[in-house]
Amino acid sequence: MTIKTNTGMTWEADWIVGPTRTLGHVVVQLRDDRPLSVIAAEAEGATKIAATDRPGIETTYAVAGLAGLTREGDTVTLRMLPGGGGDE
C-alpha cells in the first residue's frame, strides 16, 4: 500500500487504520531501517495522509501531528493525532 502525505512524503506501508472510538490515533505500520529521527521529521507537519491499496481506491485521513513512533526490528509504527475531516 502506498501512503502519501500532503507534505510530499511517500511511504510503502503494511497497513493504516483509525481513528476509531477505541483507537484515537491514525496508525501506520511500515518497514523502514532509517533512524527514527529521520522518519519523525518526515511525518511532522503532515495534516493529510492518502492511502492507496488498490488502483483507483484511495482513503484520506486527516491528521494533526505525530503522537508517537516505535520500532521493532525493521517495522516502524507511527501514531498520528487525528485531525478534523477525512475518511475513517
Protein backbone atom coordinates (compact mmCIF):
# COMPACT_ATOMS: atom_id res chain seq x y z
CA MET A 1 0.00 0.00 0.00
CA THR A 2 1.26 3.46 -0.83
CA ILE A 3 0.93 6.26 1.72
CA LYS A 4 1.35 9.89 0.65
CA THR A 5 1.30 12.94 2.90
CA ASN A 6 0.37 16.48 1.99
CA THR A 7 3.99 17.42 2.78
CA GLY A 8 5.21 15.35 -0.18
CA MET A 9 6.42 12.21 1.62
CA THR A 10 5.66 8.79 0.14
CA TRP A 11 5.99 5.53 2.08
CA GLU A 12 5.22 1.92 1.26
CA ALA A 13 3.18 0.77 4.26
CA ASP A 14 1.97 -2.59 5.53
CA TRP A 15 -1.28 -1.07 6.79
CA ILE A 16 -3.06 2.05 8.09
CA VAL A 17 -6.04 2.27 10.45
CA GLY A 18 -8.00 4.79 12.50
CA PRO A 19 -9.18 6.79 14.09
CA THR A 20 -11.95 4.76 15.75
CA ARG A 21 -13.79 5.08 19.06
CA THR A 22 -11.33 2.79 20.80
CA LEU A 23 -8.25 3.86 18.85
CA GLY A 24 -7.89 7.62 18.97
CA HIS A 25 -4.95 7.80 16.58
CA VAL A 26 -4.31 7.15 12.92
CA VAL A 27 -1.74 4.32 12.98
CA VAL A 28 0.59 3.46 10.11
CA GLN A 29 2.92 0.46 10.04
CA LEU A 30 5.78 0.33 7.56
CA ARG A 31 9.14 -1.31 7.06
CA ASP A 32 11.98 1.18 7.34
CA ASP A 33 15.50 0.83 8.72
CA ARG A 34 16.33 4.55 8.71
CA PRO A 35 16.80 6.34 12.05
CA LEU A 36 13.52 7.14 13.80
CA SER A 37 14.50 10.82 13.89
CA VAL A 38 14.51 10.89 10.06
CA ILE A 39 11.09 9.22 9.84
CA ALA A 40 9.71 11.54 12.55
CA ALA A 41 10.95 14.60 10.65
CA GLU A 42 9.15 13.36 7.53
CA ALA A 43 5.89 12.77 9.43
CA GLU A 44 5.94 16.05 11.33
CA GLY A 45 3.83 18.73 9.74
CA ALA A 46 1.57 16.33 7.85
CA THR A 47 -2.12 17.23 8.00
CA LYS A 48 -3.38 14.68 5.46
CA ILE A 49 -2.43 11.10 4.64
CA ALA A 50 -3.76 9.42 1.50
CA ALA A 51 -3.57 5.62 1.39
CA THR A 52 -3.88 3.71 -1.89
CA ASP A 53 -4.08 -0.07 -1.57
CA ARG A 54 -5.61 -0.82 -4.98
CA PRO A 55 -5.54 1.24 -8.17
CA GLY A 56 -8.26 3.85 -8.01
CA ILE A 57 -9.10 3.19 -4.33
CA GLU A 58 -7.80 5.96 -2.06
CA THR A 59 -8.68 6.66 1.57
CA THR A 60 -7.75 10.02 3.07
CA TYR A 61 -7.04 10.55 6.77
CA ALA A 62 -6.85 13.97 8.40
CA VAL A 63 -4.04 14.14 10.96
CA ALA A 64 -2.79 16.81 13.34
CA GLY A 65 0.79 15.77 14.03
CA LEU A 66 2.94 12.91 15.24
CA ALA A 67 1.85 11.36 18.57
CA GLY A 68 4.41 8.57 18.76
CA LEU A 69 6.87 6.43 16.85
CA THR A 70 8.19 2.98 17.73
CA ARG A 71 10.42 0.38 16.11
CA GLU A 72 10.57 -3.37 16.39
CA GLY A 73 13.29 -4.68 14.11
CA ASP A 74 12.70 -3.01 10.74
CA THR A 75 8.98 -2.48 11.49
CA VAL A 76 8.10 1.12 12.35
CA THR A 77 4.73 2.13 13.78
CA LEU A 78 3.66 5.78 13.56
CA ARG A 79 0.80 7.08 15.70
CA MET A 80 -0.64 10.29 14.29
CA LEU A 81 -3.05 12.59 16.13
CA PRO A 82 -6.41 12.70 14.35
CA GLY A 83 -7.34 15.91 12.61
CA GLY A 84 -10.71 17.25 11.50
CA GLY A 85 -12.39 15.68 8.47
CA GLY A 86 -11.07 12.83 6.35
CA ASP A 87 -12.39 9.30 5.89
CA GLU A 88 -12.35 6.64 8.56
